[in-house]
């Protein structure tokens, strides 16, 4: 990941060296750039412009690659000048490829939000709280009596946030205690989360745990994403691996064991999701369907199905990729997402993980399967994935 300080320096957002007060210098600038909001918007615009330059970089890489290929066709005629020219072309190509990867993977943008994300969130919270307070004022006297006091506190807070922002983008070293909240850690995996720009969320690359954030003023992220798709998907991955620790009363297990004995099922290693669901349904414990893998694991102590962290990360990446084509191809009035079991089943087919297909059964209703297949085929076409019919 490239250094955000270098990035911001190149963008000329740094204040003049030797200034005794960075905010003092900033406040004399035009109103357009004197607030944290405007400075942040400048950065957002800058990242958008860089993103729009991807194709130009690719064209440059292709031209250089073509020139190198032409040079290599005449290796027997190499001179020192040609060798030097080829070396420079290779260096330029490598730099452009790194630049393209940086932009396409949003490395600088992620670095930026990692560093100043909390300050931006605090700024918008402060501004939005002010709007709420004004709306909640009972009368004009209440408003006038509190206005001066609130304005002083608000301005002090905004100045403080702007100073911190300028300190950070200027590259000044801030102690870990002062900035520890800027880095989001996954408590389960004990690793740093990455920022997914399209979802406006910090996401753990291993388990997929997400934390929504505010990226800019016009894109305020609420406490949920549509149907909490990402977290719901992660829950499915955890459930089939029996990773979750649900609070299931001991009596539930006692009743299940009694039912197993009635059915003369003594070999617990033969337990599977199908017969366990039948038992749960008979005992009217349908609410525990989603924890079937966990229940089976607790009863027979056999290892549940497992996938590697890299595979989990791949599943999550694939899940991200299907979001846009899903929105484009779903029926206009449809709100519910595709069946998660269906999606995981299709992922396993694409990745040739046939041993996991039984973990994600398709719907019993063939019409439902057909409905999902119609959308899935369009999603696959959009992403250039192989489409595999459920009725093969």
Protein backbone atom coordinates (compact mmCIF):
# COMPACT_ATOMS: atom_id res chain seq x y z
CA UNK A 1 0.00 0.00 0.00
CA UNK A 2 1.40 3.34 -0.98
CA UNK A 3 2.08 5.95 1.64
CA UNK A 4 -0.87 8.29 2.18
CA UNK A 5 1.47 11.08 3.25
CA UNK A 6 3.15 10.99 -0.15
CA UNK A 7 -0.23 10.95 -1.82
CA UNK A 8 -1.46 13.98 0.07
CA UNK A 9 1.80 15.80 -0.51
CA UNK A 10 1.43 15.26 -4.25
CA UNK A 11 -2.10 16.59 -4.05
CA UNK A 12 -0.75 19.80 -2.45
CA UNK A 13 -2.91 19.62 0.64
CA UNK A 14 0.02 20.03 2.96
CA UNK A 15 0.57 23.32 4.74
CA UNK A 16 3.78 25.30 4.43
CA UNK A 17 6.66 23.92 6.44
CA UNK A 18 7.63 25.94 9.43
CA UNK A 19 4.11 27.22 10.11
CA UNK A 20 3.52 27.53 13.84
CA UNK A 21 -0.15 26.70 13.45
CA UNK A 22 -1.55 24.71 10.59
CA UNK A 23 -5.11 25.72 11.36
CA UNK A 24 -4.01 29.38 11.46
CA UNK A 25 -2.80 29.06 7.90
CA UNK A 26 -5.78 27.05 6.73
CA UNK A 27 -8.37 29.49 8.08
CA UNK A 28 -7.01 32.25 5.83
CA UNK A 29 -7.63 30.16 2.76
CA UNK A 30 -10.82 30.52 0.74
CA UNK A 31 -14.05 29.38 2.31
CA UNK A 32 -14.17 26.55 -0.20
CA UNK A 33 -11.33 24.72 1.55
CA UNK A 34 -11.54 26.02 5.13
CA UNK A 35 -13.75 23.28 6.56
CA UNK A 36 -13.08 19.63 7.13
CA UNK A 37 -16.09 18.84 4.97
CA UNK A 38 -14.67 20.71 1.98
CA UNK A 39 -11.22 19.23 2.41
CA UNK A 40 -12.74 15.78 2.56
CA UNK A 41 -14.80 16.46 -0.56
CA UNK A 42 -11.61 17.48 -2.37
CA UNK A 43 -10.11 14.13 -1.52
CA UNK A 44 -13.23 12.25 -2.63
CA UNK A 45 -13.14 14.11 -5.95
CA UNK A 46 -9.44 13.35 -6.31
CA UNK A 47 -9.98 9.62 -5.80
CA UNK A 48 -12.82 9.63 -8.33
CA UNK A 49 -10.60 11.34 -10.91
CA UNK A 50 -7.82 8.80 -10.30
CA UNK A 51 -10.30 5.98 -10.77
CA UNK A 52 -11.37 7.45 -14.10
CA UNK A 53 -7.73 7.32 -15.24
CA UNK A 54 -7.45 3.53 -15.01
CA UNK A 55 -8.03 2.93 -18.72
CA UNK A 56 -5.32 5.42 -19.70
CA UNK A 57 -2.81 3.61 -17.50
CA UNK A 58 -3.77 0.28 -19.05
CA UNK A 59 -3.27 1.75 -22.52
CA UNK A 60 0.21 2.94 -21.53
CA UNK A 61 1.07 -0.52 -20.20
CA UNK A 62 -0.07 -2.12 -23.46
CA UNK A 63 2.01 0.28 -25.55
CA UNK A 64 5.13 -0.36 -23.47
CA UNK A 65 4.55 -4.13 -23.55
CA UNK A 66 4.24 -3.97 -27.32
CA UNK A 67 7.48 -1.99 -27.63
CA UNK A 68 9.33 -4.46 -25.38
CA UNK A 69 8.02 -7.34 -27.50
CA UNK A 70 9.31 -5.66 -30.66
CA UNK A 71 12.73 -5.12 -29.08
CA UNK A 72 12.93 -8.77 -27.99
CA UNK A 73 12.34 -9.93 -31.54
CA UNK A 74 15.80 -8.64 -32.46
CA UNK A 75 17.92 -9.81 -29.53
CA UNK A 76 20.83 -10.55 -31.84
CA UNK A 77 21.02 -6.83 -32.68
CA UNK A 78 21.07 -5.58 -29.12
CA UNK A 79 23.31 -2.60 -28.41
CA UNK A 80 24.00 -0.92 -25.08
CA UNK A 81 21.51 1.84 -25.97
CA UNK A 82 18.82 -0.72 -26.76
CA UNK A 83 19.54 -2.62 -23.55
CA UNK A 84 19.25 0.60 -21.53
CA UNK A 85 16.06 1.51 -23.38
CA UNK A 86 14.57 -1.91 -22.63
CA UNK A 87 15.52 -1.63 -18.94
CA UNK A 88 13.83 1.78 -18.69
CA UNK A 89 10.72 0.43 -20.38
CA UNK A 90 10.56 -2.46 -17.92
CA UNK A 91 10.93 -0.07 -14.97
CA UNK A 92 8.22 2.20 -16.37
CA UNK A 93 5.94 -0.76 -16.98
CA UNK A 94 6.46 -2.04 -13.45
CA UNK A 95 5.68 1.39 -11.98
CA UNK A 96 2.55 1.73 -14.10
CA UNK A 97 1.39 -1.74 -13.09
CA UNK A 98 1.88 -0.87 -9.44
CA UNK A 99 0.03 2.40 -9.99
CA UNK A 100 -2.84 0.59 -11.71
CA UNK A 101 -3.06 -1.99 -8.93
CA UNK A 102 -3.01 0.79 -6.36
CA UNK A 103 -5.93 2.56 -8.04
CA UNK A 104 -7.97 -0.52 -8.96
CA UNK A 105 -7.64 -1.95 -5.43
CA UNK A 106 -8.29 1.46 -3.80
CA UNK A 107 -5.15 1.20 -1.66
CA UNK A 108 -4.65 4.96 -1.21
CA UNK A 109 -8.33 5.50 -0.63
CA UNK A 110 -8.42 2.77 2.00
CA UNK A 111 -5.33 4.22 3.63
CA UNK A 112 -6.96 7.65 3.69
CA UNK A 113 -10.15 6.42 5.36
CA UNK A 114 -8.18 4.28 7.79
CA UNK A 115 -6.34 7.40 8.92
CA UNK A 116 -9.09 10.04 9.00
CA UNK A 117 -12.30 8.01 8.94
CA UNK A 118 -13.17 8.58 12.59
CA UNK A 119 -12.51 12.32 12.36
CA UNK A 120 -14.86 12.58 9.39
CA UNK A 121 -17.53 10.60 11.22
CA UNK A 122 -17.18 12.81 14.31
CA UNK A 123 -17.47 15.93 12.16
CA UNK A 124 -20.71 14.82 10.52
CA UNK A 125 -22.12 13.61 13.82
CA UNK A 126 -21.42 17.06 15.28
CA UNK A 127 -23.08 18.80 12.36
CA UNK A 128 -26.10 16.49 12.31
CA UNK A 129 -26.58 16.79 16.07
CA UNK A 130 -26.71 20.56 15.64
CA UNK A 131 -29.49 20.21 13.09
CA UNK A 132 -31.40 17.91 15.44
CA UNK A 133 -31.04 20.34 18.35
CA UNK A 134 -32.45 23.17 16.26
CA UNK A 135 -35.42 21.08 15.21
CA UNK A 136 -36.10 20.06 18.81
CA UNK A 137 -36.04 23.62 20.22
CA UNK A 138 -39.36 24.30 21.91
CA UNK A 139 -39.50 28.01 21.13
CA UNK A 140 -37.40 30.90 19.91
CA UNK A 141 -36.33 31.83 23.46
CA UNK A 142 -34.95 28.35 24.05
CA UNK A 143 -33.06 28.57 20.79
CA UNK A 144 -31.60 32.03 21.46
CA UNK A 145 -30.56 31.22 25.02
CA UNK A 146 -28.64 28.15 23.92
CA UNK A 147 -27.37 29.39 20.58
CA UNK A 148 -24.27 31.21 21.81
CA UNK A 149 -23.18 28.44 24.16
CA UNK A 150 -23.76 25.74 21.54
CA UNK A 151 -21.97 27.70 18.83
CA UNK A 152 -18.85 28.14 20.96
CA UNK A 153 -18.69 24.44 21.83
CA UNK A 154 -19.44 23.42 18.27
CA UNK A 155 -16.83 25.73 16.76
CA UNK A 156 -14.20 24.57 19.24
CA UNK A 157 -14.94 20.96 18.36
CA UNK A 158 -14.83 21.67 14.64
CA UNK A 159 -11.54 23.53 14.99
CA UNK A 160 -10.11 20.64 16.98
CA UNK A 161 -11.25 18.11 14.38
CA UNK A 162 -9.87 20.22 11.54
CA UNK A 163 -6.51 20.60 13.33
CA UNK A 164 -6.28 16.85 13.85
CA UNK A 165 -7.22 16.25 10.23
CA UNK A 166 -4.53 18.66 9.00
CA UNK A 167 -1.96 17.14 11.34
CA UNK A 168 -2.68 13.70 9.98
CA UNK A 169 -2.70 14.56 6.28
CA UNK A 170 0.42 16.68 6.82
CA UNK A 171 2.26 13.58 7.94
CA UNK A 172 2.91 14.60 11.53
CA UNK A 173 3.45 11.65 13.79
CA UNK A 174 0.63 11.02 16.23
CA UNK A 175 1.01 8.61 19.13
CA UNK A 176 -0.84 5.33 18.93
CA UNK A 177 -2.99 6.31 21.91
CA UNK A 178 -4.16 9.40 20.08
CA UNK A 179 -5.06 7.51 16.94
CA UNK A 180 -5.75 3.93 17.94
CA UNK A 181 -9.41 4.18 17.01
CA UNK A 182 -8.52 4.92 13.41
CA UNK A 183 -7.54 1.29 12.91
CA UNK A 184 -10.38 -1.21 13.01
CA UNK A 185 -9.52 -4.66 14.32
CA UNK A 186 -11.55 -7.83 14.07
CA UNK A 187 -11.89 -9.08 17.63
CA UNK A 188 -12.43 -12.67 16.47
CA UNK A 189 -9.46 -12.91 14.10
CA UNK A 190 -7.23 -10.29 15.79
CA UNK A 191 -6.26 -8.72 12.48
CA UNK A 192 -6.82 -5.29 10.95
CA UNK A 193 -10.00 -4.83 8.93
CA UNK A 194 -9.86 -3.44 5.42
CA UNK A 195 -12.12 -0.77 3.99
CA UNK A 196 -14.59 -1.76 1.29
CA UNK A 197 -15.35 1.52 -0.50
CA UNK A 198 -18.39 0.22 -2.40
CA UNK A 199 -20.05 -1.02 0.80
CA UNK A 200 -18.83 1.87 2.99
CA UNK A 201 -17.71 -0.60 5.61
CA UNK A 202 -14.59 -1.92 7.32
CA UNK A 203 -14.51 -5.65 6.65
CA UNK A 204 -12.43 -8.44 8.16
CA UNK A 205 -10.68 -10.22 5.25
CA UNK A 206 -10.88 -13.54 7.09
CA UNK A 207 -14.35 -13.83 8.63
CA UNK A 208 -16.15 -11.01 6.86
CA UNK A 209 -17.32 -9.15 9.97
CA UNK A 210 -18.29 -5.63 8.87
CA UNK A 211 -18.61 -2.21 10.49
CA UNK A 212 -20.49 0.50 8.61
CA UNK A 213 -18.98 4.00 8.39
CA UNK A 214 -19.68 7.40 6.82
CA UNK A 215 -17.60 8.12 3.73
CA UNK A 216 -18.94 11.53 2.74
CA UNK A 217 -21.74 13.94 3.55
CA UNK A 218 -24.02 12.78 0.78
CA UNK A 219 -23.51 9.11 1.56
CA UNK A 220 -24.37 8.57 5.19
CA UNK A 221 -24.29 4.92 6.07
CA UNK A 222 -26.96 3.72 8.45
CA UNK A 223 -26.52 1.01 11.06
CA UNK A 224 -27.52 -1.59 8.50
CA UNK A 225 -26.90 -2.51 4.91
CA UNK A 226 -29.79 -3.86 2.80
CA UNK A 227 -31.00 -6.87 4.76
CA UNK A 228 -27.62 -6.99 6.44
CA UNK A 229 -26.52 -9.15 3.53
CA UNK A 230 -22.87 -9.33 4.34
CA UNK A 231 -23.34 -10.24 7.99
CA UNK A 232 -26.10 -12.66 7.11
CA UNK A 233 -23.83 -14.32 4.57
CA UNK A 234 -21.04 -14.54 7.14
CA UNK A 235 -23.46 -16.13 9.59
CA UNK A 236 -24.21 -18.83 7.05
CA UNK A 237 -20.51 -19.54 6.66
CA UNK A 238 -20.13 -19.75 10.43
CA UNK A 239 -23.20 -21.90 10.92
CA UNK A 240 -22.29 -24.63 8.48
CA UNK A 241 -18.82 -24.83 10.09
CA UNK A 242 -20.41 -24.86 13.59
CA UNK A 243 -18.34 -21.79 14.49
CA UNK A 244 -21.11 -19.94 16.26
CA UNK A 245 -21.84 -20.41 19.95
CA UNK A 246 -25.62 -20.13 20.26
CA UNK A 247 -27.28 -20.21 23.65
CA UNK A 248 -29.16 -23.51 23.38
CA UNK A 249 -30.68 -24.75 26.67
CA UNK A 250 -29.45 -28.08 27.95
CA UNK A 251 -33.01 -29.39 27.95
CA UNK A 252 -33.05 -29.12 24.16
CA UNK A 253 -30.15 -31.57 23.90
CA UNK A 254 -31.78 -33.88 26.43
CA UNK A 255 -34.99 -33.96 24.40
CA UNK A 256 -33.06 -34.60 21.19
CA UNK A 257 -31.16 -37.51 22.74
CA UNK A 258 -34.43 -39.01 23.98
CA UNK A 259 -35.88 -38.75 20.50
CA UNK A 260 -32.78 -40.35 19.01
CA UNK A 261 -33.15 -43.26 21.43
CA UNK A 262 -36.80 -43.65 20.47
CA UNK A 263 -35.76 -43.89 16.84
CA UNK A 264 -32.98 -46.32 17.78
CA UNK A 265 -30.32 -44.06 16.40
CA UNK A 266 -27.34 -45.11 18.49
CA UNK A 267 -24.53 -44.28 16.10
CA UNK A 268 -24.32 -40.49 16.42
CA UNK A 269 -21.73 -40.33 13.66
CA UNK A 270 -24.57 -40.98 11.20
CA UNK A 271 -26.37 -37.78 12.16
CA UNK A 272 -26.93 -35.36 9.31
CA UNK A 273 -28.81 -32.14 8.74
CA UNK A 274 -31.80 -33.86 7.21
CA UNK A 275 -32.63 -36.24 10.06
CA UNK A 276 -31.75 -33.62 12.68
CA UNK A 277 -34.22 -31.17 11.15
CA UNK A 278 -36.89 -33.88 11.22
CA UNK A 279 -36.26 -34.38 14.93
CA UNK A 280 -36.28 -30.66 15.67
CA UNK A 281 -39.53 -30.27 13.77
CA UNK A 282 -41.13 -33.14 15.67
CA UNK A 283 -40.04 -31.58 18.97
CA UNK A 284 -41.31 -28.19 17.77
CA UNK A 285 -37.82 -26.73 18.00
CA UNK A 286 -37.93 -25.25 14.50
CA UNK A 287 -36.25 -22.06 15.70
CA UNK A 288 -33.00 -24.01 16.03
CA UNK A 289 -32.86 -25.08 12.37
CA UNK A 290 -30.06 -22.64 11.62
CA UNK A 291 -27.93 -24.21 14.36
CA UNK A 292 -28.23 -27.79 13.11
CA UNK A 293 -24.50 -28.11 12.36
CA UNK A 294 -23.65 -26.87 15.86
CA UNK A 295 -26.13 -29.28 17.49
CA UNK A 296 -24.79 -32.26 15.55
CA UNK A 297 -21.21 -31.31 16.41
CA UNK A 298 -22.05 -31.10 20.12
CA UNK A 299 -23.75 -34.50 20.07
CA UNK A 300 -21.17 -36.55 18.19
CA UNK A 301 -18.00 -34.45 18.73
CA UNK A 302 -17.03 -35.07 15.11
CA UNK A 303 -15.37 -32.18 13.27
CA UNK A 304 -17.86 -30.17 11.22
CA UNK A 305 -17.19 -29.21 7.60
CA UNK A 306 -14.40 -26.66 7.35
CA UNK A 307 -13.08 -24.28 4.75
CA UNK A 308 -9.81 -22.37 4.90
CA UNK A 309 -9.67 -18.67 5.69
CA UNK A 310 -8.54 -18.03 2.13
CA UNK A 311 -11.62 -19.85 0.90
CA UNK A 312 -13.83 -17.82 3.25
CA UNK A 313 -12.25 -14.67 1.89
CA UNK A 314 -12.93 -15.87 -1.66
CA UNK A 315 -16.56 -16.62 -0.82
CA UNK A 316 -16.97 -13.14 0.64
CA UNK A 317 -15.29 -11.56 -2.38
CA UNK A 318 -17.65 -13.44 -4.70
CA UNK A 319 -20.59 -12.36 -2.58
CA UNK A 320 -19.54 -8.73 -2.95
CA UNK A 321 -19.29 -9.10 -6.70
CA UNK A 322 -22.83 -10.37 -7.17
CA UNK A 323 -24.43 -7.40 -5.38
CA UNK A 324 -24.48 -4.96 -8.30
CA UNK A 325 -25.65 -7.46 -10.95
CA UNK A 326 -28.30 -8.64 -8.48
CA UNK A 327 -29.67 -5.10 -8.18
CA UNK A 328 -29.62 -4.74 -11.96
CA UNK A 329 -31.38 -8.01 -12.75
CA UNK A 330 -33.80 -8.62 -9.91
CA UNK A 331 -37.51 -8.12 -10.43
CA UNK A 332 -38.46 -4.47 -9.71
CA UNK A 333 -40.74 -5.30 -6.79
CA UNK A 334 -38.51 -7.91 -5.23
CA UNK A 335 -36.93 -6.98 -1.90
CA UNK A 336 -35.56 -10.27 -0.60
CA UNK A 337 -32.15 -11.39 -1.73
CA UNK A 338 -31.44 -14.79 -3.27
CA UNK A 339 -31.52 -17.75 -0.93
CA UNK A 340 -28.17 -17.82 0.86
CA UNK A 341 -28.10 -21.59 0.67
CA UNK A 342 -28.66 -21.28 -3.07
CA UNK A 343 -25.86 -18.72 -3.45
CA UNK A 344 -23.38 -20.84 -1.48
CA UNK A 345 -24.41 -23.91 -3.46
CA UNK A 346 -23.63 -22.05 -6.67
CA UNK A 347 -20.33 -20.78 -5.34
CA UNK A 348 -19.33 -24.34 -4.47
CA UNK A 349 -20.25 -25.47 -7.98
CA UNK A 350 -18.12 -22.75 -9.54
CA UNK A 351 -15.18 -23.53 -7.28
CA UNK A 352 -15.62 -27.30 -7.76
CA UNK A 353 -16.17 -27.87 -4.05
CA UNK A 354 -18.56 -30.73 -4.68
CA UNK A 355 -18.03 -32.19 -1.22
CA UNK A 356 -19.75 -29.13 0.26
CA UNK A 357 -22.82 -29.10 -1.97
CA UNK A 358 -24.89 -31.12 0.49
CA UNK A 359 -24.22 -28.48 3.14
CA UNK A 360 -26.21 -25.98 1.08
CA UNK A 361 -29.32 -27.73 -0.24
CA UNK A 362 -31.50 -26.11 -2.88
CA UNK A 363 -35.15 -25.31 -2.29
CA UNK A 364 -37.60 -28.21 -2.48
CA UNK A 365 -39.89 -26.21 -4.74
CA UNK A 366 -38.65 -26.49 -8.33
CA UNK A 367 -40.42 -23.23 -9.22
CA UNK A 368 -38.36 -21.40 -6.59
CA UNK A 369 -35.19 -22.96 -7.96
CA UNK A 370 -36.14 -21.93 -11.48
CA UNK A 371 -36.81 -18.37 -10.31
CA UNK A 372 -33.37 -18.19 -8.69
CA UNK A 373 -31.73 -19.78 -11.72
CA UNK A 374 -33.14 -17.12 -14.05
CA UNK A 375 -31.57 -14.35 -11.99
CA UNK A 376 -28.37 -16.30 -11.38
CA UNK A 377 -27.85 -16.84 -15.09
CA UNK A 378 -27.97 -13.06 -15.66
CA UNK A 379 -25.58 -12.47 -12.76
CA UNK A 380 -23.12 -14.99 -14.20
CA UNK A 381 -23.35 -13.37 -17.62
CA UNK A 382 -22.68 -9.95 -16.10
CA UNK A 383 -19.59 -11.24 -14.26
CA UNK A 384 -18.40 -13.57 -17.04
CA UNK A 385 -18.82 -16.56 -14.75
CA UNK A 386 -19.80 -20.00 -15.93
CA UNK A 387 -23.52 -20.59 -15.54
CA UNK A 388 -24.45 -24.03 -14.18
CA UNK A 389 -28.13 -24.88 -14.26
CA UNK A 390 -29.71 -26.45 -11.18
CA UNK A 391 -31.58 -28.84 -13.47
CA UNK A 392 -28.52 -30.40 -15.09
